[in-house]
Every structure is written in C-alpha cells, then in structure tokens.
Amino acid sequence: MPDSHVDATDAAILDLFAREPRIGVLEASRRLRIARGTVQARLDKLVARGVVTGWGPDIDPVALGYPVTAFVTLEITQSGHDALGGRLAEIPEVLEVHTITGSGDLLCRVVARSNTDLQRVIDQVVGTDGVVRSSTVIALATQVRHRVLPLLRSAADV
C-alpha cells in the first residue's frame, strides 16, 4: 500500500492549488511562505505517490449540453468486470463505472442531453455484451458535488 500520509504543509499546498489551479509554484510559495523548491518537491512526491492524480481542468457536463445525470446499476454475466468496463468506457456518456456490492454488479454514472436521450444511452449500456439487467435512477439535483478537500484536511489532521 502506498504511503498515504499527508501533513499540514501538503494539505495547504494542495488546498491552494485546488482553489486556484493556475497559481503556479512561485506564487504558491510566496502565499504559503514556503520555499519554492519545497513546494515543487512536495508536489512531485504527492504525484509520485498517487495522491495527486491530475492537473487538468474540471469540465461540467451541463455546460457541454448534458444536463441529465443518471445512475445505472447493472447485473452482469460473471465473465469479467474489467472487459465489460472497457466496453462501457467506449460510450462517451458513461462517466464512471464502479464494481459494487449489493443487488447489482456495476454502478455507472451517465449523462444525457435530455430524458429522451437518456433512453438512447441506457439502450447502449444495456446492449453491451455481458449486461443482463439494469436499473436506472435519475438525479434531480446535486446536494454535494464530488469533493476531496475535506478528506484531505481530515487526513492531514488540519
């Protein structure tokens, strides 16, 4: 298991970059009153340890014309979660696929342009080789967006 410890300095660096991703290492070092080399070294270590997984922009599906979000639970043949996950990844509207416990085998987060378009997306998902049955729920509103900073702060005991 990789080293998962983050300290208060790591948390401060990551918090700043999460709030202002275009800030740059030099400006971050100034604001945090930490040497530039320290900020860069810690960022490099956090990336190497897999704590930081990307620096790309967050993209809102709604702004791209996909205002409908749904969660699709799939029951599948037991011939391979990984292969089926790969096939589902070929559907652009499938944003996430997780192996789960409970009444289903996989949980997918999908988006669509409308409820009518959602039917097309579900048909593609259900038509994927290995899918036996599905159940879909449509998200009406998002109460808590995907977030990690509170977890980071907790892990750093900040």
C-alpha atoms as a PDB file:
ATOM      1  CA  MET A   1       0.000   0.000   0.000  1.00  0.00           C
ATOM      2  CA  PRO A   2       1.424   3.410  -0.926  1.00  0.00           C
ATOM      3  CA  ASP A   3       2.321   5.960   1.725  1.00  0.00           C
ATOM      4  CA  SER A   4      -0.923   7.829   2.288  1.00  0.00           C
ATOM      5  CA  HIS A   5       0.239  10.287   4.938  1.00  0.00           C
ATOM      6  CA  VAL A   6      -0.151  13.955   4.198  1.00  0.00           C
ATOM      7  CA  ASP A   7       0.819  16.635   6.662  1.00  0.00           C
ATOM      8  CA  ALA A   8      -0.441  20.166   7.191  1.00  0.00           C
ATOM      9  CA  THR A   9       2.039  21.582   4.660  1.00  0.00           C
ATOM     10  CA  ASP A  10       0.956  19.100   1.980  1.00  0.00           C
ATOM     11  CA  ALA A  11      -2.674  19.941   2.744  1.00  0.00           C
ATOM     12  CA  ALA A  12      -2.022  23.692   2.493  1.00  0.00           C
ATOM     13  CA  ILE A  13      -0.266  23.273  -0.855  1.00  0.00           C
ATOM     14  CA  LEU A  14      -2.995  21.053  -2.282  1.00  0.00           C
ATOM     15  CA  ASP A  15      -5.766  23.245  -0.903  1.00  0.00           C
ATOM     16  CA  LEU A  16      -4.274  26.308  -2.592  1.00  0.00           C
ATOM     17  CA  PHE A  17      -3.809  24.539  -5.935  1.00  0.00           C
ATOM     18  CA  ALA A  18      -7.338  23.108  -5.748  1.00  0.00           C
ATOM     19  CA  ARG A  19      -8.796  26.574  -5.174  1.00  0.00           C
ATOM     20  CA  GLU A  20      -6.516  28.276  -7.716  1.00  0.00           C
ATOM     21  CA  PRO A  21      -5.151  25.657 -10.129  1.00  0.00           C
ATOM     22  CA  ARG A  22      -3.367  28.214 -12.331  1.00  0.00           C
ATOM     23  CA  ILE A  23      -1.461  29.858  -9.491  1.00  0.00           C
ATOM     24  CA  GLY A  24       2.000  28.479 -10.256  1.00  0.00           C
ATOM     25  CA  VAL A  25       4.650  27.178  -7.895  1.00  0.00           C
ATOM     26  CA  LEU A  26       6.382  30.519  -7.351  1.00  0.00           C
ATOM     27  CA  GLU A  27       3.208  32.360  -6.346  1.00  0.00           C
ATOM     28  CA  ALA A  28       2.130  29.402  -4.176  1.00  0.00           C
ATOM     29  CA  SER A  29       5.459  29.550  -2.352  1.00  0.00           C
ATOM     30  CA  ARG A  30       5.005  33.276  -1.751  1.00  0.00           C
ATOM     31  CA  ARG A  31       1.477  32.928  -0.426  1.00  0.00           C
ATOM     32  CA  LEU A  32       2.282  29.943   1.764  1.00  0.00           C
ATOM     33  CA  ARG A  33       5.640  31.389   2.860  1.00  0.00           C
ATOM     34  CA  ILE A  34       7.392  28.168   1.903  1.00  0.00           C
ATOM     35  CA  ALA A  35      10.486  27.898  -0.296  1.00  0.00           C
ATOM     36  CA  ARG A  36       9.701  27.389  -3.989  1.00  0.00           C
ATOM     37  CA  GLY A  37      11.833  24.237  -4.033  1.00  0.00           C
ATOM     38  CA  THR A  38       9.881  22.820  -1.093  1.00  0.00           C
ATOM     39  CA  VAL A  39       6.555  23.400  -2.837  1.00  0.00           C
ATOM     40  CA  GLN A  40       7.832  21.774  -6.044  1.00  0.00           C
ATOM     41  CA  ALA A  41       9.417  18.823  -4.211  1.00  0.00           C
ATOM     42  CA  ARG A  42       6.265  18.154  -2.219  1.00  0.00           C
ATOM     43  CA  LEU A  43       4.080  18.370  -5.322  1.00  0.00           C
ATOM     44  CA  ASP A  44       6.405  15.944  -7.122  1.00  0.00           C
ATOM     45  CA  LYS A  45       6.250  13.497  -4.202  1.00  0.00           C
ATOM     46  CA  LEU A  46       2.456  13.760  -3.989  1.00  0.00           C
ATOM     47  CA  VAL A  47       2.210  12.996  -7.704  1.00  0.00           C
ATOM     48  CA  ALA A  48       4.673  10.083  -7.432  1.00  0.00           C
ATOM     49  CA  ARG A  49       2.691   8.617  -4.507  1.00  0.00           C
ATOM     50  CA  GLY A  50      -0.570   8.878  -6.455  1.00  0.00           C
ATOM     51  CA  VAL A  51      -2.143  11.411  -4.095  1.00  0.00           C
ATOM     52  CA  VAL A  52      -2.400  13.943  -6.938  1.00  0.00           C
ATOM     53  CA  THR A  53      -3.905  12.261  -9.974  1.00  0.00           C
ATOM     54  CA  GLY A  54      -4.197  15.127 -12.423  1.00  0.00           C
ATOM     55  CA  TRP A  55      -3.894  18.806 -13.174  1.00  0.00           C
ATOM     56  CA  GLY A  56      -6.475  19.094 -15.926  1.00  0.00           C
ATOM     57  CA  PRO A  57      -9.463  21.409 -15.887  1.00  0.00           C
ATOM     58  CA  ASP A  58     -12.717  20.260 -14.307  1.00  0.00           C
ATOM     59  CA  ILE A  59     -15.308  20.049 -17.057  1.00  0.00           C
ATOM     60  CA  ASP A  60     -19.029  20.442 -16.373  1.00  0.00           C
ATOM     61  CA  PRO A  61     -21.190  18.095 -18.493  1.00  0.00           C
ATOM     62  CA  VAL A  62     -24.108  20.544 -18.169  1.00  0.00           C
ATOM     63  CA  ALA A  63     -22.066  23.255 -19.908  1.00  0.00           C
ATOM     64  CA  LEU A  64     -21.373  20.742 -22.710  1.00  0.00           C
ATOM     65  CA  GLY A  65     -25.117  20.201 -23.207  1.00  0.00           C
ATOM     66  CA  TYR A  66     -25.616  17.134 -20.964  1.00  0.00           C
ATOM     67  CA  PRO A  67     -27.910  18.345 -18.150  1.00  0.00           C
ATOM     68  CA  VAL A  68     -29.327  14.906 -17.242  1.00  0.00           C
ATOM     69  CA  THR A  69     -27.348  12.711 -14.851  1.00  0.00           C
ATOM     70  CA  ALA A  70     -28.416   9.167 -14.036  1.00  0.00           C
ATOM     71  CA  PHE A  71     -27.037   6.225 -12.110  1.00  0.00           C
ATOM     72  CA  VAL A  72     -27.404   2.843 -13.757  1.00  0.00           C
ATOM     73  CA  THR A  73     -26.973  -0.334 -11.726  1.00  0.00           C
ATOM     74  CA  LEU A  74     -26.038  -3.305 -13.879  1.00  0.00           C
ATOM     75  CA  GLU A  75     -26.302  -7.009 -13.272  1.00  0.00           C
ATOM     76  CA  ILE A  76     -23.783  -8.746 -15.488  1.00  0.00           C
ATOM     77  CA  THR A  77     -22.650 -12.193 -16.503  1.00  0.00           C
ATOM     78  CA  GLN A  78     -19.728 -13.186 -14.329  1.00  0.00           C
ATOM     79  CA  SER A  79     -17.338 -13.378 -17.257  1.00  0.00           C
ATOM     80  CA  GLY A  80     -15.224 -10.366 -16.434  1.00  0.00           C
ATOM     81  CA  HIS A  81     -15.801  -6.974 -14.884  1.00  0.00           C
ATOM     82  CA  ASP A  82     -12.692  -5.490 -16.473  1.00  0.00           C
ATOM     83  CA  ALA A  83     -13.600  -6.435 -20.044  1.00  0.00           C
ATOM     84  CA  LEU A  84     -17.119  -5.116 -19.617  1.00  0.00           C
ATOM     85  CA  GLY A  85     -15.781  -1.932 -18.047  1.00  0.00           C
ATOM     86  CA  GLY A  86     -13.627  -1.449 -21.132  1.00  0.00           C
ATOM     87  CA  ARG A  87     -16.637  -1.831 -23.413  1.00  0.00           C
ATOM     88  CA  LEU A  88     -18.685   0.610 -21.329  1.00  0.00           C
ATOM     89  CA  ALA A  89     -15.813   3.118 -21.492  1.00  0.00           C
ATOM     90  CA  GLU A  90     -16.362   3.282 -25.246  1.00  0.00           C
ATOM     91  CA  ILE A  91     -19.718   5.010 -24.634  1.00  0.00           C
ATOM     92  CA  PRO A  92     -18.874   8.743 -24.244  1.00  0.00           C
ATOM     93  CA  GLU A  93     -21.837   9.427 -21.939  1.00  0.00           C
ATOM     94  CA  VAL A  94     -20.610   6.843 -19.406  1.00  0.00           C
ATOM     95  CA  LEU A  95     -18.563   8.960 -16.980  1.00  0.00           C
ATOM     96  CA  GLU A  96     -17.786   6.372 -14.293  1.00  0.00           C
ATOM     97  CA  VAL A  97     -18.154   2.642 -13.699  1.00  0.00           C
ATOM     98  CA  HIS A  98     -17.623   1.046 -10.298  1.00  0.00           C
ATOM     99  CA  THR A  99     -17.768  -2.602  -9.227  1.00  0.00           C
ATOM    100  CA  ILE A 100     -20.173  -2.714  -6.293  1.00  0.00           C
ATOM    101  CA  THR A 101     -21.644  -4.984  -3.663  1.00  0.00           C
ATOM    102  CA  GLY A 102     -25.345  -5.460  -3.167  1.00  0.00           C
ATOM    103  CA  SER A 103     -28.076  -6.231  -5.646  1.00  0.00           C
ATOM    104  CA  GLY A 104     -26.037  -5.226  -8.702  1.00  0.00           C
ATOM    105  CA  ASP A 105     -22.527  -5.767 -10.001  1.00  0.00           C
ATOM    106  CA  LEU A 106     -21.611  -2.408 -11.545  1.00  0.00           C
ATOM    107  CA  LEU A 107     -22.728   1.155 -10.890  1.00  0.00           C
ATOM    108  CA  CYS A 108     -22.431   3.600 -13.780  1.00  0.00           C
ATOM    109  CA  ARG A 109     -22.785   7.362 -13.740  1.00  0.00           C
ATOM    110  CA  VAL A 110     -24.062   8.503 -17.103  1.00  0.00           C
ATOM    111  CA  VAL A 111     -25.141  11.803 -18.633  1.00  0.00           C
ATOM    112  CA  ALA A 112     -27.541  12.659 -21.431  1.00  0.00           C
ATOM    113  CA  ARG A 113     -28.845  15.662 -23.351  1.00  0.00           C
ATOM    114  CA  SER A 114     -32.449  15.019 -22.239  1.00  0.00           C
ATOM    115  CA  ASN A 115     -34.611  12.299 -20.728  1.00  0.00           C
ATOM    116  CA  THR A 116     -35.328  11.084 -24.253  1.00  0.00           C
ATOM    117  CA  ASP A 117     -31.606  10.989 -24.992  1.00  0.00           C
ATOM    118  CA  LEU A 118     -31.102   9.109 -21.718  1.00  0.00           C
ATOM    119  CA  GLN A 119     -33.115   6.255 -23.220  1.00  0.00           C
ATOM    120  CA  ARG A 120     -30.587   6.072 -26.074  1.00  0.00           C
ATOM    121  CA  VAL A 121     -27.692   5.997 -23.602  1.00  0.00           C
ATOM    122  CA  ILE A 122     -29.359   3.302 -21.476  1.00  0.00           C
ATOM    123  CA  ASP A 123     -30.055   1.254 -24.614  1.00  0.00           C
ATOM    124  CA  GLN A 124     -26.345   1.421 -25.475  1.00  0.00           C
ATOM    125  CA  VAL A 125     -25.338   0.422 -21.959  1.00  0.00           C
ATOM    126  CA  VAL A 126     -27.836  -2.441 -21.755  1.00  0.00           C
ATOM    127  CA  GLY A 127     -26.886  -3.558 -25.263  1.00  0.00           C
ATOM    128  CA  THR A 128     -23.287  -4.051 -24.189  1.00  0.00           C
ATOM    129  CA  ASP A 129     -22.190  -7.696 -24.228  1.00  0.00           C
ATOM    130  CA  GLY A 130     -22.304  -9.107 -20.721  1.00  0.00           C
ATOM    131  CA  VAL A 131     -25.088  -6.901 -19.328  1.00  0.00           C
ATOM    132  CA  VAL A 132     -28.038  -8.976 -18.104  1.00  0.00           C
ATOM    133  CA  ARG A 133     -30.280  -6.413 -16.394  1.00  0.00           C
ATOM    134  CA  SER A 134     -30.265  -2.761 -15.392  1.00  0.00           C
ATOM    135  CA  SER A 135     -31.956  -0.360 -13.042  1.00  0.00           C
ATOM    136  CA  THR A 136     -31.747   3.402 -13.513  1.00  0.00           C
ATOM    137  CA  VAL A 137     -32.333   6.373 -11.244  1.00  0.00           C
ATOM    138  CA  ILE A 138     -32.238   9.949 -12.492  1.00  0.00           C
ATOM    139  CA  ALA A 139     -30.528  12.585 -10.359  1.00  0.00           C
ATOM    140  CA  LEU A 140     -32.831  15.543  -9.784  1.00  0.00           C
ATOM    141  CA  ALA A 141     -30.322  17.844  -8.075  1.00  0.00           C
ATOM    142  CA  THR A 142     -26.790  17.662  -6.721  1.00  0.00           C
ATOM    143  CA  GLN A 143     -26.591  18.349  -2.996  1.00  0.00           C
ATOM    144  CA  VAL A 144     -22.846  17.719  -2.617  1.00  0.00           C
ATOM    145  CA  ARG A 145     -20.564  17.805  -5.661  1.00  0.00           C
ATOM    146  CA  HIS A 146     -17.618  15.454  -5.940  1.00  0.00           C
ATOM    147  CA  ARG A 147     -15.087  16.732  -3.459  1.00  0.00           C
ATOM    148  CA  VAL A 148     -11.900  15.608  -1.815  1.00  0.00           C
ATOM    149  CA  LEU A 149     -10.593  18.661   0.055  1.00  0.00           C
ATOM    150  CA  PRO A 150     -12.495  17.908   3.298  1.00  0.00           C
ATOM    151  CA  LEU A 151     -10.994  14.416   3.208  1.00  0.00           C
ATOM    152  CA  LEU A 152      -7.541  15.875   2.572  1.00  0.00           C
ATOM    153  CA  ARG A 153      -7.900  18.192   5.565  1.00  0.00           C
ATOM    154  CA  SER A 154      -9.049  15.316   7.736  1.00  0.00           C
ATOM    155  CA  ALA A 155      -6.206  13.072   6.584  1.00  0.00           C
ATOM    156  CA  ALA A 156      -3.702  15.821   7.391  1.00  0.00           C
ATOM    157  CA  ASP A 157      -5.301  16.434  10.793  1.00  0.00           C
ATOM    158  CA  VAL A 158      -5.682  20.093   9.868  1.00  0.00           C
END
